[in-house]
Amino acid sequence: MGCGYQKFKSVENCWLFSTADRFSAAAISACAQHEAQGTSLAFLLPTIGLLAALRCYRTGHVDFTVAGLLALGFFFGASVGALYAVELPADTLKRLFRVLLIISVHMIFHHSEN
C-alpha cells in the first residue's frame, strides 16, 4: 500500500498530502526517498495522466502517432531508469533529484520567449 494510506498507522510513513509530489513526500515527512518516488509515480499516473488525456481526447486534441512514440520512449526509458534508481543509495537519489529540481526551476524561469 502507498505510504499515504499508512498515515495513521506509523510515524515512519509519509502523510497523505505529501504524496502529491516526490519533493514534499521525502522532505516533509519521514517517508524514504525510494518509497516517496514510487508512491508519487503511482499516484500521478491515474489522477493526472489518464484524466487529462481523456479530456484532451474528447476535444480532439490527441495525436496518437506522436503519443504512441513518446509512450514507447518513456516506457523503456522509465524502465531502465527505475532499474538504476532502486539500486542507488537514498542519499545519492536525493541529491540527483535535488539537481533535477533546480534545473527544472531554472528552465521554467529562465527560458527565452523566442
N, C-alpha and C. Protein backbone atom coordinates (compact mmCIF):
# COMPACT_ATOMS: atom_id res chain seq x y z
N MET A 1 0.84 -1.18 0.00
CA MET A 1 0.00 0.00 0.00
C MET A 1 0.87 1.24 0.00
N GLY A 2 0.38 2.32 -0.57
CA GLY A 2 1.13 3.57 -0.61
C GLY A 2 1.38 4.13 0.77
N CYS A 3 2.40 4.94 0.87
CA CYS A 3 2.73 5.47 2.19
C CYS A 3 1.64 6.41 2.70
N GLY A 4 0.86 7.02 1.80
CA GLY A 4 -0.22 7.88 2.25
C GLY A 4 -1.31 7.12 2.97
N TYR A 5 -1.55 5.87 2.57
CA TYR A 5 -2.56 5.04 3.21
C TYR A 5 -2.19 4.73 4.66
N GLN A 6 -0.91 4.64 4.92
CA GLN A 6 -0.42 4.28 6.24
C GLN A 6 -0.40 5.46 7.20
N LYS A 7 -1.00 6.57 6.82
CA LYS A 7 -0.94 7.82 7.57
C LYS A 7 -1.10 7.65 9.08
N PHE A 8 -2.09 6.95 9.50
CA PHE A 8 -2.38 6.86 10.92
C PHE A 8 -1.75 5.62 11.58
N LYS A 9 -1.15 4.76 10.80
CA LYS A 9 -0.61 3.52 11.36
C LYS A 9 0.82 3.65 11.86
N SER A 10 1.61 4.54 11.26
CA SER A 10 3.01 4.60 11.65
C SER A 10 3.59 5.98 11.38
N VAL A 11 4.39 6.44 12.30
CA VAL A 11 5.07 7.73 12.13
C VAL A 11 6.13 7.61 11.04
N GLU A 12 6.58 6.40 10.76
CA GLU A 12 7.63 6.19 9.77
C GLU A 12 7.15 6.40 8.35
N ASN A 13 5.86 6.43 8.15
CA ASN A 13 5.32 6.60 6.80
C ASN A 13 4.92 8.05 6.57
N CYS A 14 4.81 8.41 5.30
CA CYS A 14 4.55 9.81 4.98
C CYS A 14 3.07 10.16 5.11
N TRP A 15 2.81 11.44 5.17
CA TRP A 15 1.45 11.95 5.30
C TRP A 15 0.73 11.86 3.97
N LEU A 16 -0.58 11.78 4.03
CA LEU A 16 -1.39 11.64 2.83
C LEU A 16 -1.14 12.76 1.83
N PHE A 17 -1.11 14.02 2.30
CA PHE A 17 -0.95 15.13 1.36
C PHE A 17 0.43 15.15 0.75
N SER A 18 1.40 14.56 1.37
CA SER A 18 2.77 14.66 0.87
C SER A 18 3.03 13.74 -0.31
N THR A 19 2.10 12.85 -0.66
CA THR A 19 2.30 12.02 -1.83
C THR A 19 2.05 12.78 -3.12
N ALA A 20 1.62 14.03 -3.02
CA ALA A 20 1.31 14.81 -4.22
C ALA A 20 2.54 15.05 -5.07
N ASP A 21 3.70 15.13 -4.50
CA ASP A 21 4.91 15.22 -5.31
C ASP A 21 6.09 14.62 -4.56
N ARG A 22 7.08 14.20 -5.32
CA ARG A 22 8.22 13.49 -4.74
C ARG A 22 9.00 14.35 -3.77
N PHE A 23 9.13 15.64 -4.03
CA PHE A 23 9.93 16.50 -3.18
C PHE A 23 9.32 16.63 -1.79
N SER A 24 8.02 16.92 -1.72
CA SER A 24 7.40 17.11 -0.41
C SER A 24 7.30 15.80 0.35
N ALA A 25 7.08 14.69 -0.35
CA ALA A 25 6.96 13.41 0.34
C ALA A 25 8.26 13.05 1.05
N ALA A 26 9.39 13.34 0.42
CA ALA A 26 10.67 12.99 1.03
C ALA A 26 11.11 14.04 2.03
N ALA A 27 10.83 15.31 1.77
CA ALA A 27 11.36 16.38 2.61
C ALA A 27 10.49 16.67 3.83
N ILE A 28 9.17 16.60 3.69
CA ILE A 28 8.27 16.98 4.78
C ILE A 28 8.07 15.83 5.76
N SER A 29 8.08 14.63 5.27
CA SER A 29 7.73 13.51 6.13
C SER A 29 8.91 12.58 6.36
N ALA A 30 8.63 11.51 7.04
CA ALA A 30 9.65 10.51 7.32
C ALA A 30 9.66 9.43 6.25
N CYS A 31 8.98 9.62 5.17
CA CYS A 31 8.89 8.65 4.09
C CYS A 31 10.26 8.54 3.41
N ALA A 32 10.72 7.32 3.15
CA ALA A 32 12.00 7.11 2.49
C ALA A 32 11.94 7.61 1.06
N GLN A 33 13.08 8.04 0.53
CA GLN A 33 13.14 8.61 -0.82
C GLN A 33 12.61 7.64 -1.86
N HIS A 34 13.02 6.39 -1.83
CA HIS A 34 12.55 5.42 -2.81
C HIS A 34 11.03 5.23 -2.72
N GLU A 35 10.50 5.15 -1.52
CA GLU A 35 9.06 4.99 -1.32
C GLU A 35 8.31 6.24 -1.77
N ALA A 36 8.88 7.41 -1.51
CA ALA A 36 8.24 8.66 -1.91
C ALA A 36 8.12 8.75 -3.43
N GLN A 37 9.18 8.41 -4.14
CA GLN A 37 9.15 8.48 -5.59
C GLN A 37 8.20 7.44 -6.18
N GLY A 38 8.25 6.23 -5.68
CA GLY A 38 7.36 5.18 -6.19
C GLY A 38 5.89 5.51 -5.95
N THR A 39 5.59 6.00 -4.76
CA THR A 39 4.21 6.36 -4.43
C THR A 39 3.72 7.52 -5.28
N SER A 40 4.59 8.50 -5.49
CA SER A 40 4.20 9.66 -6.30
C SER A 40 3.92 9.25 -7.74
N LEU A 41 4.76 8.41 -8.30
CA LEU A 41 4.54 7.96 -9.67
C LEU A 41 3.23 7.18 -9.78
N ALA A 42 2.97 6.32 -8.81
CA ALA A 42 1.72 5.54 -8.83
C ALA A 42 0.50 6.45 -8.67
N PHE A 43 0.65 7.50 -7.89
CA PHE A 43 -0.44 8.45 -7.64
C PHE A 43 -0.70 9.33 -8.86
N LEU A 44 0.36 9.78 -9.53
CA LEU A 44 0.21 10.74 -10.62
C LEU A 44 -0.39 10.14 -11.89
N LEU A 45 -0.04 8.92 -12.21
CA LEU A 45 -0.50 8.33 -13.47
C LEU A 45 -2.02 8.32 -13.60
N PRO A 46 -2.74 7.70 -12.69
CA PRO A 46 -4.20 7.67 -12.89
C PRO A 46 -4.88 9.01 -12.66
N THR A 47 -4.39 9.81 -11.74
CA THR A 47 -5.10 11.03 -11.41
C THR A 47 -4.84 12.16 -12.40
N ILE A 48 -3.65 12.29 -12.89
CA ILE A 48 -3.33 13.38 -13.79
C ILE A 48 -3.24 12.90 -15.23
N GLY A 49 -2.43 11.91 -15.46
CA GLY A 49 -2.19 11.44 -16.82
C GLY A 49 -3.43 10.97 -17.55
N LEU A 50 -4.12 10.02 -16.97
CA LEU A 50 -5.27 9.44 -17.66
C LEU A 50 -6.45 10.41 -17.76
N LEU A 51 -6.73 11.13 -16.69
CA LEU A 51 -7.85 12.06 -16.72
C LEU A 51 -7.62 13.21 -17.70
N ALA A 52 -6.40 13.76 -17.71
CA ALA A 52 -6.09 14.85 -18.63
C ALA A 52 -6.11 14.36 -20.09
N ALA A 53 -5.57 13.18 -20.33
CA ALA A 53 -5.56 12.63 -21.69
C ALA A 53 -6.98 12.38 -22.18
N LEU A 54 -7.83 11.87 -21.31
CA LEU A 54 -9.22 11.63 -21.68
C LEU A 54 -9.93 12.93 -22.06
N ARG A 55 -9.70 13.97 -21.29
CA ARG A 55 -10.31 15.28 -21.57
C ARG A 55 -9.83 15.80 -22.94
N CYS A 56 -8.54 15.70 -23.20
CA CYS A 56 -7.99 16.16 -24.48
C CYS A 56 -8.51 15.31 -25.64
N TYR A 57 -8.62 14.01 -25.42
CA TYR A 57 -9.14 13.12 -26.45
C TYR A 57 -10.57 13.50 -26.83
N ARG A 58 -11.38 13.78 -25.83
CA ARG A 58 -12.78 14.15 -26.08
C ARG A 58 -12.92 15.42 -26.90
N THR A 59 -11.93 16.31 -26.81
CA THR A 59 -11.98 17.56 -27.58
C THR A 59 -11.20 17.46 -28.88
N GLY A 60 -10.67 16.26 -29.19
CA GLY A 60 -9.98 16.05 -30.45
C GLY A 60 -8.55 16.57 -30.49
N HIS A 61 -7.92 16.69 -29.34
CA HIS A 61 -6.57 17.24 -29.28
C HIS A 61 -5.52 16.20 -28.93
N VAL A 62 -5.64 15.00 -29.49
CA VAL A 62 -4.64 13.96 -29.24
C VAL A 62 -4.12 13.45 -30.58
N ASP A 63 -2.82 13.52 -30.77
CA ASP A 63 -2.15 12.95 -31.94
C ASP A 63 -1.63 11.58 -31.50
N PHE A 64 -2.33 10.52 -31.89
CA PHE A 64 -2.00 9.18 -31.41
C PHE A 64 -0.65 8.68 -31.91
N THR A 65 -0.21 9.11 -33.08
CA THR A 65 1.10 8.70 -33.58
C THR A 65 2.20 9.25 -32.69
N VAL A 66 2.16 10.54 -32.43
CA VAL A 66 3.17 11.16 -31.56
C VAL A 66 3.05 10.62 -30.14
N ALA A 67 1.83 10.49 -29.64
CA ALA A 67 1.63 9.97 -28.28
C ALA A 67 2.18 8.55 -28.15
N GLY A 68 1.97 7.72 -29.16
CA GLY A 68 2.47 6.35 -29.13
C GLY A 68 3.99 6.29 -29.13
N LEU A 69 4.61 7.12 -29.95
CA LEU A 69 6.09 7.15 -29.99
C LEU A 69 6.67 7.66 -28.67
N LEU A 70 6.06 8.70 -28.14
CA LEU A 70 6.52 9.22 -26.85
C LEU A 70 6.31 8.19 -25.73
N ALA A 71 5.18 7.49 -25.77
CA ALA A 71 4.89 6.48 -24.75
C ALA A 71 5.92 5.35 -24.79
N LEU A 72 6.29 4.93 -25.99
CA LEU A 72 7.31 3.88 -26.11
C LEU A 72 8.65 4.34 -25.53
N GLY A 73 9.03 5.57 -25.87
CA GLY A 73 10.28 6.11 -25.34
C GLY A 73 10.26 6.23 -23.83
N PHE A 74 9.16 6.72 -23.30
CA PHE A 74 9.02 6.85 -21.84
C PHE A 74 8.98 5.49 -21.17
N PHE A 75 8.30 4.54 -21.79
CA PHE A 75 8.19 3.20 -21.20
C PHE A 75 9.56 2.57 -21.02
N PHE A 76 10.35 2.57 -22.08
CA PHE A 76 11.67 1.96 -21.99
C PHE A 76 12.63 2.81 -21.17
N GLY A 77 12.56 4.12 -21.31
CA GLY A 77 13.42 5.00 -20.52
C GLY A 77 13.14 4.90 -19.04
N ALA A 78 11.86 4.87 -18.68
CA ALA A 78 11.49 4.77 -17.27
C ALA A 78 11.85 3.40 -16.70
N SER A 79 11.72 2.36 -17.51
CA SER A 79 12.09 1.02 -17.05
C SER A 79 13.57 0.93 -16.73
N VAL A 80 14.39 1.44 -17.62
CA VAL A 80 15.84 1.43 -17.40
C VAL A 80 16.20 2.34 -16.23
N GLY A 81 15.60 3.52 -16.18
CA GLY A 81 15.86 4.45 -15.08
C GLY A 81 15.48 3.88 -13.73
N ALA A 82 14.35 3.18 -13.68
CA ALA A 82 13.91 2.57 -12.42
C ALA A 82 14.86 1.46 -11.97
N LEU A 83 15.40 0.72 -12.94
CA LEU A 83 16.37 -0.33 -12.58
C LEU A 83 17.58 0.27 -11.87
N TYR A 84 18.04 1.40 -12.37
CA TYR A 84 19.19 2.05 -11.74
C TYR A 84 18.79 2.76 -10.45
N ALA A 85 17.64 3.41 -10.43
CA ALA A 85 17.23 4.21 -9.26
C ALA A 85 17.06 3.35 -8.01
N VAL A 86 16.51 2.17 -8.15
CA VAL A 86 16.30 1.33 -6.97
C VAL A 86 17.60 0.81 -6.38
N GLU A 87 18.66 0.82 -7.17
CA GLU A 87 19.97 0.36 -6.70
C GLU A 87 20.79 1.47 -6.05
N LEU A 88 20.41 2.71 -6.28
CA LEU A 88 21.16 3.84 -5.72
C LEU A 88 20.87 4.00 -4.23
N PRO A 89 21.87 4.42 -3.47
CA PRO A 89 21.62 4.76 -2.07
C PRO A 89 20.65 5.95 -2.00
N ALA A 90 19.86 6.01 -0.94
CA ALA A 90 18.85 7.07 -0.80
C ALA A 90 19.48 8.46 -0.84
N ASP A 91 20.65 8.65 -0.24
CA ASP A 91 21.30 9.96 -0.26
C ASP A 91 21.67 10.39 -1.67
N THR A 92 22.17 9.46 -2.47
CA THR A 92 22.51 9.77 -3.86
C THR A 92 21.25 10.11 -4.65
N LEU A 93 20.20 9.35 -4.44
CA LEU A 93 18.93 9.60 -5.12
C LEU A 93 18.38 10.97 -4.76
N LYS A 94 18.48 11.35 -3.50
CA LYS A 94 18.03 12.68 -3.07
C LYS A 94 18.84 13.77 -3.73
N ARG A 95 20.15 13.59 -3.81
CA ARG A 95 21.00 14.61 -4.45
C ARG A 95 20.66 14.75 -5.93
N LEU A 96 20.50 13.62 -6.62
CA LEU A 96 20.14 13.67 -8.04
C LEU A 96 18.78 14.34 -8.24
N PHE A 97 17.83 14.03 -7.40
CA PHE A 97 16.52 14.65 -7.51
C PHE A 97 16.62 16.15 -7.26
N ARG A 98 17.41 16.54 -6.28
CA ARG A 98 17.61 17.95 -5.97
C ARG A 98 18.19 18.70 -7.17
N VAL A 99 19.19 18.10 -7.82
CA VAL A 99 19.80 18.72 -9.00
C VAL A 99 18.78 18.85 -10.13
N LEU A 100 18.01 17.79 -10.37
CA LEU A 100 16.99 17.87 -11.43
C LEU A 100 15.91 18.90 -11.11
N LEU A 101 15.58 19.04 -9.84
CA LEU A 101 14.60 20.05 -9.44
C LEU A 101 15.13 21.45 -9.70
N ILE A 102 16.38 21.69 -9.37
CA ILE A 102 17.00 23.01 -9.60
C ILE A 102 17.06 23.30 -11.10
N ILE A 103 17.45 22.31 -11.89
CA ILE A 103 17.49 22.50 -13.34
C ILE A 103 16.10 22.81 -13.88
N SER A 104 15.08 22.10 -13.39
CA SER A 104 13.71 22.33 -13.84
C SER A 104 13.24 23.74 -13.51
N VAL A 105 13.50 24.19 -12.30
CA VAL A 105 13.10 25.55 -11.90
C VAL A 105 13.83 26.58 -12.76
N HIS A 106 15.10 26.35 -13.00
CA HIS A 106 15.87 27.27 -13.86
C HIS A 106 15.27 27.33 -15.26
N MET A 107 14.92 26.17 -15.81
CA MET A 107 14.34 26.13 -17.15
C MET A 107 12.99 26.84 -17.19
N ILE A 108 12.21 26.73 -16.14
CA ILE A 108 10.90 27.38 -16.10
C ILE A 108 11.03 28.88 -16.10
N PHE A 109 11.93 29.39 -15.28
CA PHE A 109 12.02 30.85 -15.08
C PHE A 109 13.04 31.56 -15.98
N HIS A 110 13.91 30.82 -16.65
CA HIS A 110 14.94 31.46 -17.46
C HIS A 110 14.92 30.97 -18.91
N HIS A 111 13.77 30.77 -19.45
CA HIS A 111 13.67 30.36 -20.85
C HIS A 111 13.42 31.60 -21.71
N SER A 112 13.80 31.49 -22.96
CA SER A 112 13.56 32.63 -23.88
C SER A 112 12.18 32.48 -24.51
N GLU A 113 11.56 33.57 -24.78
CA GLU A 113 10.21 33.60 -25.36
C GLU A 113 10.26 33.65 -26.88
N ASN A 114 11.37 33.37 -27.49
CA ASN A 114 11.51 33.48 -28.95
C ASN A 114 10.67 32.49 -29.65
